[in-house]
């Protein structure tokens, strides 16, 4: 198993762009929870989302149903 983030994958590049642009996103989880915030970082296993209270939430990729940019 590779420990390096595969930056050639379209999904990884899209998340990198959302992170760089500080775009607010919505993450729908398999628990039916909805997390809204800005992506601070990603690795092979997790994505860290910071909400409007500056509280970080680390989400395992396997728990994500979808991730999309939040509409204005």
N, C-alpha and C. Protein backbone atom coordinates (compact mmCIF):
# COMPACT_ATOMS: atom_id res chain seq x y z
N UNK A 1 0.84 -1.19 0.00
CA UNK A 1 0.00 0.00 0.00
C UNK A 1 0.88 1.25 0.00
N UNK A 2 0.62 2.16 -0.91
CA UNK A 2 1.40 3.38 -1.01
C UNK A 2 1.00 4.36 0.09
N UNK A 3 1.99 4.99 0.68
CA UNK A 3 1.71 5.99 1.71
C UNK A 3 1.71 7.40 1.14
N UNK A 4 2.08 7.51 -0.12
CA UNK A 4 2.13 8.81 -0.77
C UNK A 4 0.78 9.14 -1.40
N UNK A 5 0.34 10.38 -1.26
CA UNK A 5 -0.91 10.83 -1.84
C UNK A 5 -0.78 10.82 -3.36
N UNK A 6 -1.73 10.19 -4.04
CA UNK A 6 -1.67 10.07 -5.50
C UNK A 6 -2.25 11.33 -6.14
N UNK A 7 -1.38 12.31 -6.33
CA UNK A 7 -1.82 13.62 -6.82
C UNK A 7 -2.25 13.60 -8.29
N UNK A 8 -2.04 12.50 -8.98
CA UNK A 8 -2.48 12.38 -10.36
C UNK A 8 -3.96 12.04 -10.48
N UNK A 9 -4.58 11.60 -9.41
CA UNK A 9 -6.00 11.23 -9.44
C UNK A 9 -6.87 12.48 -9.50
N UNK A 10 -7.90 12.47 -10.35
CA UNK A 10 -8.78 13.64 -10.45
C UNK A 10 -9.42 14.05 -9.12
N UNK A 11 -9.81 13.07 -8.31
CA UNK A 11 -10.45 13.40 -7.03
C UNK A 11 -9.48 14.11 -6.09
N UNK A 12 -8.25 13.67 -6.06
CA UNK A 12 -7.24 14.29 -5.20
C UNK A 12 -6.94 15.70 -5.70
N UNK A 13 -6.82 15.87 -7.00
CA UNK A 13 -6.56 17.21 -7.57
C UNK A 13 -7.72 18.16 -7.28
N UNK A 14 -8.96 17.65 -7.39
CA UNK A 14 -10.13 18.50 -7.11
C UNK A 14 -10.14 18.95 -5.66
N UNK A 15 -9.83 18.05 -4.73
CA UNK A 15 -9.78 18.40 -3.32
C UNK A 15 -8.65 19.39 -3.06
N UNK A 16 -7.51 19.22 -3.73
CA UNK A 16 -6.40 20.16 -3.60
C UNK A 16 -6.83 21.57 -4.07
N UNK A 17 -7.58 21.62 -5.16
CA UNK A 17 -8.06 22.91 -5.67
C UNK A 17 -9.03 23.55 -4.68
N UNK A 18 -9.96 22.77 -4.14
CA UNK A 18 -10.91 23.29 -3.15
C UNK A 18 -10.18 23.79 -1.90
N UNK A 19 -9.13 23.09 -1.51
CA UNK A 19 -8.33 23.49 -0.34
C UNK A 19 -7.60 24.79 -0.62
N UNK A 20 -6.92 24.85 -1.75
CA UNK A 20 -6.15 26.04 -2.13
C UNK A 20 -7.05 27.27 -2.25
N UNK A 21 -8.25 27.10 -2.85
CA UNK A 21 -9.17 28.22 -3.06
C UNK A 21 -9.99 28.54 -1.82
N UNK A 22 -9.81 27.77 -0.75
CA UNK A 22 -10.56 27.93 0.50
C UNK A 22 -12.07 27.95 0.24
N UNK A 23 -12.48 27.08 -0.67
CA UNK A 23 -13.88 26.93 -1.03
C UNK A 23 -14.61 26.15 0.06
N UNK A 24 -15.77 26.64 0.49
CA UNK A 24 -16.56 25.91 1.47
C UNK A 24 -17.18 24.69 0.79
N UNK A 25 -17.18 23.57 1.51
CA UNK A 25 -17.70 22.32 0.95
C UNK A 25 -18.72 21.69 1.90
N UNK A 26 -19.47 20.76 1.35
CA UNK A 26 -20.38 19.92 2.13
C UNK A 26 -19.91 18.48 1.98
N UNK A 27 -19.80 17.79 3.10
CA UNK A 27 -19.49 16.37 3.10
C UNK A 27 -20.68 15.63 3.67
N UNK A 28 -21.24 14.71 2.90
CA UNK A 28 -22.31 13.85 3.38
C UNK A 28 -21.65 12.55 3.82
N UNK A 29 -21.97 12.12 5.05
CA UNK A 29 -21.35 10.92 5.60
C UNK A 29 -22.30 9.74 5.57
N UNK A 30 -21.76 8.54 5.68
CA UNK A 30 -22.59 7.33 5.67
C UNK A 30 -23.54 7.28 6.86
N UNK A 31 -23.26 8.10 7.89
CA UNK A 31 -24.14 8.20 9.06
C UNK A 31 -25.30 9.15 8.80
N UNK A 32 -25.34 9.74 7.61
CA UNK A 32 -26.33 10.71 7.18
C UNK A 32 -26.06 12.11 7.74
N UNK A 33 -24.92 12.29 8.43
CA UNK A 33 -24.54 13.62 8.90
C UNK A 33 -24.04 14.44 7.72
N UNK A 34 -24.19 15.76 7.83
CA UNK A 34 -23.69 16.68 6.82
C UNK A 34 -22.69 17.60 7.51
N UNK A 35 -21.47 17.64 7.00
CA UNK A 35 -20.43 18.52 7.55
C UNK A 35 -20.16 19.61 6.53
N UNK A 36 -20.15 20.85 7.01
CA UNK A 36 -19.90 22.00 6.15
C UNK A 36 -18.69 22.75 6.68
N UNK A 37 -17.82 23.14 5.79
CA UNK A 37 -16.64 23.91 6.18
C UNK A 37 -15.63 23.96 5.06
N UNK A 38 -14.42 24.35 5.42
CA UNK A 38 -13.33 24.44 4.45
C UNK A 38 -12.32 23.33 4.73
N UNK A 39 -11.81 22.75 3.66
CA UNK A 39 -10.83 21.67 3.81
C UNK A 39 -9.50 22.28 4.21
N UNK A 40 -8.93 21.78 5.29
CA UNK A 40 -7.62 22.27 5.73
C UNK A 40 -6.52 21.40 5.15
N UNK A 41 -6.70 20.08 5.13
CA UNK A 41 -5.70 19.17 4.59
C UNK A 41 -6.35 17.84 4.24
N UNK A 42 -5.60 17.03 3.49
CA UNK A 42 -6.03 15.68 3.16
C UNK A 42 -4.80 14.77 3.17
N UNK A 43 -5.04 13.50 3.47
CA UNK A 43 -4.01 12.49 3.31
C UNK A 43 -4.69 11.26 2.72
N UNK A 44 -3.99 10.15 2.69
CA UNK A 44 -4.56 8.94 2.08
C UNK A 44 -5.79 8.42 2.81
N UNK A 45 -5.88 8.67 4.10
CA UNK A 45 -6.96 8.11 4.90
C UNK A 45 -8.05 9.11 5.27
N UNK A 46 -7.70 10.38 5.43
CA UNK A 46 -8.62 11.35 6.03
C UNK A 46 -8.63 12.69 5.30
N UNK A 47 -9.68 13.44 5.60
CA UNK A 47 -9.80 14.84 5.18
C UNK A 47 -10.16 15.63 6.42
N UNK A 48 -9.49 16.76 6.63
CA UNK A 48 -9.80 17.63 7.77
C UNK A 48 -10.61 18.82 7.27
N UNK A 49 -11.80 19.01 7.87
CA UNK A 49 -12.68 20.12 7.52
C UNK A 49 -12.81 21.02 8.74
N UNK A 50 -12.64 22.33 8.52
CA UNK A 50 -12.75 23.31 9.60
C UNK A 50 -14.05 24.07 9.41
N UNK A 51 -14.90 24.08 10.46
CA UNK A 51 -16.19 24.76 10.36
C UNK A 51 -16.06 26.26 10.62
N UNK A 52 -17.18 26.97 10.60
CA UNK A 52 -17.14 28.43 10.76
C UNK A 52 -16.79 28.87 12.18
N UNK A 53 -16.72 27.93 13.12
CA UNK A 53 -16.23 28.22 14.47
C UNK A 53 -14.73 27.92 14.60
N UNK A 54 -14.09 27.60 13.47
CA UNK A 54 -12.68 27.22 13.41
C UNK A 54 -12.40 25.91 14.14
N UNK A 55 -13.40 25.04 14.22
CA UNK A 55 -13.27 23.73 14.84
C UNK A 55 -12.96 22.69 13.76
N UNK A 56 -11.84 21.99 13.88
CA UNK A 56 -11.51 20.98 12.88
C UNK A 56 -12.24 19.66 13.14
N UNK A 57 -12.65 19.02 12.07
CA UNK A 57 -13.22 17.68 12.11
C UNK A 57 -12.45 16.82 11.13
N UNK A 58 -11.91 15.72 11.63
CA UNK A 58 -11.18 14.79 10.76
C UNK A 58 -12.15 13.68 10.37
N UNK A 59 -12.30 13.50 9.06
CA UNK A 59 -13.25 12.53 8.52
C UNK A 59 -12.47 11.48 7.74
N UNK A 60 -12.72 10.21 8.03
CA UNK A 60 -12.10 9.14 7.27
C UNK A 60 -12.77 9.10 5.90
N UNK A 61 -11.95 8.95 4.88
CA UNK A 61 -12.48 8.92 3.50
C UNK A 61 -13.55 7.84 3.31
N UNK A 62 -13.40 6.73 4.01
CA UNK A 62 -14.36 5.63 3.86
C UNK A 62 -15.74 5.99 4.42
N UNK A 63 -15.84 7.06 5.20
CA UNK A 63 -17.11 7.49 5.78
C UNK A 63 -17.86 8.48 4.89
N UNK A 64 -17.22 8.91 3.80
CA UNK A 64 -17.81 9.96 2.95
C UNK A 64 -18.66 9.36 1.86
N UNK A 65 -19.90 9.85 1.77
CA UNK A 65 -20.79 9.46 0.67
C UNK A 65 -20.51 10.37 -0.52
N UNK A 66 -20.46 11.67 -0.26
CA UNK A 66 -20.08 12.62 -1.30
C UNK A 66 -19.47 13.87 -0.69
N UNK A 67 -18.72 14.60 -1.51
CA UNK A 67 -18.14 15.88 -1.16
C UNK A 67 -18.42 16.81 -2.31
N UNK A 68 -18.97 17.98 -2.02
CA UNK A 68 -19.25 18.93 -3.10
C UNK A 68 -19.04 20.36 -2.62
N UNK A 69 -18.70 21.26 -3.55
CA UNK A 69 -18.59 22.67 -3.18
C UNK A 69 -19.96 23.18 -2.74
N UNK A 70 -19.96 24.00 -1.70
CA UNK A 70 -21.21 24.53 -1.18
C UNK A 70 -21.67 25.67 -2.06
N UNK A 71 -22.95 25.70 -2.35
CA UNK A 71 -23.53 26.78 -3.15
C UNK A 71 -23.55 28.07 -2.35
N UNK A 72 -23.38 29.14 -3.05
CA UNK A 72 -23.39 30.46 -2.39
C UNK A 72 -24.82 30.92 -2.20
